[in-house]
Amino acid sequence: MQMLLPILVGGIAMPNKIFVMRHAEKMDDPNDPNLSEAGRARAQALVKWFPEKFGRPDFIFATSISRHSERPIQTVMPLAENLGLPLNSTFADQDYGALAKLLLTEPKFAGKSILVCWHHGNIPSLMNRLGASVGTYPDPWNSKVFDLLLEADYTEAGQPKVSQITESF
């Protein structure tokens, strides 16, 4: 496998790819912060599907637990555990700007592959802060869509190339 060198934008080394996904399916009860049975099955399917399709991510992020939701963590925790990666859940849902700034400026993320699991309401704003062009990602995100993954590819100079990938399960 060819090693890609990080792209420099304004003297800053960029990640190679940032994958952004919504958490898996939720319970019908709006007060239940957990994944539904279908959501737990989707989280388990990610364990095999993501690495086979995209390779092993270097870092995994999920929004922090709130009184309304633990779903982003529950969605990617099985993958993180299977790969032996720590799961960073220090950013609250509204802190997408701080997360984007960290991912795009911190040298340890240069040339790396990063998976982010977020709430659908703030994914468009997160993508905007990651430099993605308007129109390359759903805005607003359809509240019924749980199987879409956005791939922001930074391996060329300029704005990331965004691909929308539907999970195959």
C-alpha atoms as a PDB file:
ATOM      1  CA  MET A   1       0.000   0.000   0.000  1.00  0.00           C
ATOM      2  CA  GLN A   2       1.393   3.378  -1.015  1.00  0.00           C
ATOM      3  CA  MET A   3       1.936   5.803   1.871  1.00  0.00           C
ATOM      4  CA  LEU A   4       0.237   9.135   1.177  1.00  0.00           C
ATOM      5  CA  LEU A   5       2.004  12.230   2.420  1.00  0.00           C
ATOM      6  CA  PRO A   6      -0.160  14.872   4.063  1.00  0.00           C
ATOM      7  CA  ILE A   7      -1.319  17.744   1.877  1.00  0.00           C
ATOM      8  CA  LEU A   8      -0.245  21.188   3.062  1.00  0.00           C
ATOM      9  CA  VAL A   9      -2.904  23.899   2.962  1.00  0.00           C
ATOM     10  CA  GLY A  10      -1.633  27.295   4.047  1.00  0.00           C
ATOM     11  CA  GLY A  11       1.374  25.573   5.613  1.00  0.00           C
ATOM     12  CA  ILE A  12      -0.841  23.255   7.676  1.00  0.00           C
ATOM     13  CA  ALA A  13      -0.686  19.503   7.113  1.00  0.00           C
ATOM     14  CA  MET A  14      -4.184  18.096   6.572  1.00  0.00           C
ATOM     15  CA  PRO A  15      -5.637  14.683   7.399  1.00  0.00           C
ATOM     16  CA  ASN A  16      -5.922  12.360   4.394  1.00  0.00           C
ATOM     17  CA  LYS A  17      -9.586  11.528   5.043  1.00  0.00           C
ATOM     18  CA  ILE A  18     -12.270  12.430   7.516  1.00  0.00           C
ATOM     19  CA  PHE A  19     -15.331  10.181   7.540  1.00  0.00           C
ATOM     20  CA  VAL A  20     -18.489  11.623   9.078  1.00  0.00           C
ATOM     21  CA  MET A  21     -21.518   9.537   9.933  1.00  0.00           C
ATOM     22  CA  ARG A  22     -24.695   9.831  11.905  1.00  0.00           C
ATOM     23  CA  HIS A  23     -25.289   7.529  14.838  1.00  0.00           C
ATOM     24  CA  ALA A  24     -27.261   4.337  14.156  1.00  0.00           C
ATOM     25  CA  GLU A  25     -31.015   3.910  14.578  1.00  0.00           C
ATOM     26  CA  LYS A  26     -32.623   5.166  17.762  1.00  0.00           C
ATOM     27  CA  MET A  27     -35.486   3.990  19.942  1.00  0.00           C
ATOM     28  CA  ASP A  28     -39.055   5.084  19.167  1.00  0.00           C
ATOM     29  CA  ASP A  29     -39.267   6.729  22.596  1.00  0.00           C
ATOM     30  CA  PRO A  30     -37.725  10.210  22.132  1.00  0.00           C
ATOM     31  CA  ASN A  31     -36.606  10.216  25.780  1.00  0.00           C
ATOM     32  CA  ASP A  32     -34.578   7.004  25.430  1.00  0.00           C
ATOM     33  CA  PRO A  33     -30.901   7.919  24.799  1.00  0.00           C
ATOM     34  CA  ASN A  34     -29.941   4.473  23.471  1.00  0.00           C
ATOM     35  CA  LEU A  35     -29.749   2.682  20.150  1.00  0.00           C
ATOM     36  CA  SER A  36     -32.620   0.480  19.047  1.00  0.00           C
ATOM     37  CA  GLU A  37     -32.121  -3.186  18.201  1.00  0.00           C
ATOM     38  CA  ALA A  38     -31.600  -2.167  14.552  1.00  0.00           C
ATOM     39  CA  GLY A  39     -29.081   0.438  15.704  1.00  0.00           C
ATOM     40  CA  ARG A  40     -27.127  -2.076  17.748  1.00  0.00           C
ATOM     41  CA  ALA A  41     -27.062  -4.391  14.722  1.00  0.00           C
ATOM     42  CA  ARG A  42     -25.762  -1.527  12.547  1.00  0.00           C
ATOM     43  CA  ALA A  43     -23.045  -0.759  15.108  1.00  0.00           C
ATOM     44  CA  GLN A  44     -21.945  -4.402  15.039  1.00  0.00           C
ATOM     45  CA  ALA A  45     -21.958  -4.462  11.219  1.00  0.00           C
ATOM     46  CA  LEU A  46     -19.607  -1.437  11.171  1.00  0.00           C
ATOM     47  CA  VAL A  47     -16.965  -3.539  12.940  1.00  0.00           C
ATOM     48  CA  LYS A  48     -16.356  -5.551   9.773  1.00  0.00           C
ATOM     49  CA  TRP A  49     -17.640  -3.227   7.040  1.00  0.00           C
ATOM     50  CA  PHE A  50     -15.691  -0.039   7.776  1.00  0.00           C
ATOM     51  CA  PRO A  51     -12.163  -1.546   7.905  1.00  0.00           C
ATOM     52  CA  GLU A  52     -12.844  -3.774   4.897  1.00  0.00           C
ATOM     53  CA  LYS A  53     -14.077  -0.839   2.794  1.00  0.00           C
ATOM     54  CA  PHE A  54     -11.815   2.003   3.984  1.00  0.00           C
ATOM     55  CA  GLY A  55      -9.007   0.457   6.009  1.00  0.00           C
ATOM     56  CA  ARG A  56      -8.315   1.001   9.666  1.00  0.00           C
ATOM     57  CA  PRO A  57      -8.999   4.548  10.866  1.00  0.00           C
ATOM     58  CA  ASP A  58      -6.258   6.178  12.917  1.00  0.00           C
ATOM     59  CA  PHE A  59      -8.674   8.031  15.198  1.00  0.00           C
ATOM     60  CA  ILE A  60     -12.352   7.710  16.145  1.00  0.00           C
ATOM     61  CA  PHE A  61     -14.489  10.528  17.572  1.00  0.00           C
ATOM     62  CA  ALA A  62     -18.085  10.611  18.802  1.00  0.00           C
ATOM     63  CA  THR A  63     -20.144  13.311  20.471  1.00  0.00           C
ATOM     64  CA  SER A  64     -20.096  13.160  24.232  1.00  0.00           C
ATOM     65  CA  ILE A  65     -22.932  11.613  26.214  1.00  0.00           C
ATOM     66  CA  SER A  66     -25.813  13.933  26.975  1.00  0.00           C
ATOM     67  CA  ARG A  67     -29.039  13.374  28.856  1.00  0.00           C
ATOM     68  CA  HIS A  68     -30.708  12.991  25.444  1.00  0.00           C
ATOM     69  CA  SER A  69     -28.293  10.607  23.718  1.00  0.00           C
ATOM     70  CA  GLU A  70     -25.527   8.071  24.070  1.00  0.00           C
ATOM     71  CA  ARG A  71     -26.078   6.890  20.481  1.00  0.00           C
ATOM     72  CA  PRO A  72     -22.934   8.225  18.740  1.00  0.00           C
ATOM     73  CA  ILE A  73     -20.700   6.505  21.300  1.00  0.00           C
ATOM     74  CA  GLN A  74     -22.792   3.323  21.165  1.00  0.00           C
ATOM     75  CA  THR A  75     -22.521   3.337  17.355  1.00  0.00           C
ATOM     76  CA  VAL A  76     -18.719   3.416  17.063  1.00  0.00           C
ATOM     77  CA  MET A  77     -17.633   1.842  20.367  1.00  0.00           C
ATOM     78  CA  PRO A  78     -17.764  -1.746  19.005  1.00  0.00           C
ATOM     79  CA  LEU A  79     -15.501  -0.697  16.104  1.00  0.00           C
ATOM     80  CA  ALA A  80     -13.081   1.151  18.396  1.00  0.00           C
ATOM     81  CA  GLU A  81     -12.903  -1.814  20.783  1.00  0.00           C
ATOM     82  CA  ASN A  82     -12.389  -4.294  17.943  1.00  0.00           C
ATOM     83  CA  LEU A  83      -9.547  -2.217  16.512  1.00  0.00           C
ATOM     84  CA  GLY A  84      -8.021  -1.431  19.910  1.00  0.00           C
ATOM     85  CA  LEU A  85      -8.437   2.304  19.351  1.00  0.00           C
ATOM     86  CA  PRO A  86      -9.395   4.840  21.988  1.00  0.00           C
ATOM     87  CA  LEU A  87     -12.711   6.594  21.390  1.00  0.00           C
ATOM     88  CA  ASN A  88     -12.529  10.353  21.854  1.00  0.00           C
ATOM     89  CA  SER A  89     -15.898  11.585  23.123  1.00  0.00           C
ATOM     90  CA  THR A  90     -14.829  14.856  24.704  1.00  0.00           C
ATOM     91  CA  PHE A  91     -16.730  17.135  22.306  1.00  0.00           C
ATOM     92  CA  ALA A  92     -20.386  18.000  22.881  1.00  0.00           C
ATOM     93  CA  ASP A  93     -22.762  18.013  19.909  1.00  0.00           C
ATOM     94  CA  GLN A  94     -22.631  21.813  19.609  1.00  0.00           C
ATOM     95  CA  ASP A  95     -18.800  21.814  19.692  1.00  0.00           C
ATOM     96  CA  TYR A  96     -18.453  20.731  16.046  1.00  0.00           C
ATOM     97  CA  GLY A  97     -16.472  23.897  15.260  1.00  0.00           C
ATOM     98  CA  ALA A  98     -13.865  23.121  17.904  1.00  0.00           C
ATOM     99  CA  LEU A  99     -13.609  19.529  16.666  1.00  0.00           C
ATOM    100  CA  ALA A 100     -13.179  20.643  13.053  1.00  0.00           C
ATOM    101  CA  LYS A 101     -10.483  23.149  14.049  1.00  0.00           C
ATOM    102  CA  LEU A 102      -8.632  20.467  16.015  1.00  0.00           C
ATOM    103  CA  LEU A 103      -8.770  17.918  13.182  1.00  0.00           C
ATOM    104  CA  LEU A 104      -7.587  20.426  10.576  1.00  0.00           C
ATOM    105  CA  THR A 105      -4.790  22.052  12.587  1.00  0.00           C
ATOM    106  CA  GLU A 106      -3.364  19.529  15.067  1.00  0.00           C
ATOM    107  CA  PRO A 107      -0.177  17.991  13.606  1.00  0.00           C
ATOM    108  CA  LYS A 108      -0.958  14.507  14.976  1.00  0.00           C
ATOM    109  CA  PHE A 109      -3.900  14.255  12.540  1.00  0.00           C
ATOM    110  CA  ALA A 110      -1.789  15.140   9.482  1.00  0.00           C
ATOM    111  CA  GLY A 111      -1.988  12.412   6.852  1.00  0.00           C
ATOM    112  CA  LYS A 112      -4.337  10.319   8.996  1.00  0.00           C
ATOM    113  CA  SER A 113      -7.768   8.731   8.542  1.00  0.00           C
ATOM    114  CA  ILE A 114     -10.400   9.872  11.047  1.00  0.00           C
ATOM    115  CA  LEU A 115     -13.931   8.616  11.713  1.00  0.00           C
ATOM    116  CA  VAL A 116     -16.441  10.978  13.352  1.00  0.00           C
ATOM    117  CA  CYS A 117     -19.913   9.933  14.567  1.00  0.00           C
ATOM    118  CA  TRP A 118     -22.266  12.854  15.240  1.00  0.00           C
ATOM    119  CA  HIS A 119     -25.917  13.850  15.535  1.00  0.00           C
ATOM    120  CA  HIS A 120     -27.631  14.536  12.208  1.00  0.00           C
ATOM    121  CA  GLY A 121     -28.709  18.078  13.080  1.00  0.00           C
ATOM    122  CA  ASN A 122     -25.121  19.333  13.287  1.00  0.00           C
ATOM    123  CA  ILE A 123     -23.484  17.224  10.579  1.00  0.00           C
ATOM    124  CA  PRO A 124     -24.044  19.909   7.881  1.00  0.00           C
ATOM    125  CA  SER A 125     -22.395  22.538  10.104  1.00  0.00           C
ATOM    126  CA  LEU A 126     -19.532  20.148  10.883  1.00  0.00           C
ATOM    127  CA  MET A 127     -18.989  19.476   7.178  1.00  0.00           C
ATOM    128  CA  ASN A 128     -18.982  23.210   6.501  1.00  0.00           C
ATOM    129  CA  ARG A 129     -16.334  23.727   9.198  1.00  0.00           C
ATOM    130  CA  LEU A 130     -14.304  20.892   7.690  1.00  0.00           C
ATOM    131  CA  GLY A 131     -14.146  22.927   4.477  1.00  0.00           C
ATOM    132  CA  ALA A 132     -16.592  20.889   2.389  1.00  0.00           C
ATOM    133  CA  SER A 133     -18.367  22.733  -0.415  1.00  0.00           C
ATOM    134  CA  VAL A 134     -22.056  23.444   0.044  1.00  0.00           C
ATOM    135  CA  GLY A 135     -24.060  20.925  -1.973  1.00  0.00           C
ATOM    136  CA  THR A 136     -21.616  18.051  -1.467  1.00  0.00           C
ATOM    137  CA  TYR A 137     -23.370  16.864   1.699  1.00  0.00           C
ATOM    138  CA  PRO A 138     -27.033  16.734   2.794  1.00  0.00           C
ATOM    139  CA  ASP A 139     -28.234  19.994   4.342  1.00  0.00           C
ATOM    140  CA  PRO A 140     -30.423  19.489   6.175  1.00  0.00           C
ATOM    141  CA  TRP A 141     -29.721  15.844   6.957  1.00  0.00           C
ATOM    142  CA  ASN A 142     -32.857  13.724   6.572  1.00  0.00           C
ATOM    143  CA  SER A 143     -33.910  12.610  10.065  1.00  0.00           C
ATOM    144  CA  LYS A 144     -34.816   9.136   8.744  1.00  0.00           C
ATOM    145  CA  VAL A 145     -31.347   8.454   7.247  1.00  0.00           C
ATOM    146  CA  PHE A 146     -29.013   6.345   9.388  1.00  0.00           C
ATOM    147  CA  ASP A 147     -26.978   4.565   6.673  1.00  0.00           C
ATOM    148  CA  LEU A 148     -25.076   7.429   5.023  1.00  0.00           C
ATOM    149  CA  LEU A 149     -21.351   7.985   5.444  1.00  0.00           C
ATOM    150  CA  LEU A 150     -19.592  11.101   4.168  1.00  0.00           C
ATOM    151  CA  GLU A 151     -15.976  10.764   3.073  1.00  0.00           C
ATOM    152  CA  ALA A 152     -14.010  14.029   2.970  1.00  0.00           C
ATOM    153  CA  ASP A 153     -10.823  13.350   1.000  1.00  0.00           C
ATOM    154  CA  TYR A 154      -8.042  15.881   1.615  1.00  0.00           C
ATOM    155  CA  THR A 155      -5.388  14.179  -0.537  1.00  0.00           C
ATOM    156  CA  GLU A 156      -5.558  16.953  -3.156  1.00  0.00           C
ATOM    157  CA  ALA A 157      -4.886  20.600  -2.367  1.00  0.00           C
ATOM    158  CA  GLY A 158      -7.948  22.787  -1.907  1.00  0.00           C
ATOM    159  CA  GLN A 159     -11.362  21.902  -0.550  1.00  0.00           C
ATOM    160  CA  PRO A 160     -11.916  18.263   0.335  1.00  0.00           C
ATOM    161  CA  LYS A 161     -13.619  16.058  -2.201  1.00  0.00           C
ATOM    162  CA  VAL A 162     -16.748  14.716  -0.516  1.00  0.00           C
ATOM    163  CA  SER A 163     -18.279  11.371  -1.425  1.00  0.00           C
ATOM    164  CA  GLN A 164     -21.599  10.128  -0.075  1.00  0.00           C
ATOM    165  CA  ILE A 165     -21.498   6.387   0.602  1.00  0.00           C
ATOM    166  CA  THR A 166     -24.510   4.302   1.567  1.00  0.00           C
ATOM    167  CA  GLU A 167     -23.717   1.520   3.999  1.00  0.00           C
ATOM    168  CA  SER A 168     -24.403  -1.905   2.521  1.00  0.00           C
ATOM    169  CA  PHE A 169     -26.306  -3.269   5.512  1.00  0.00           C
END
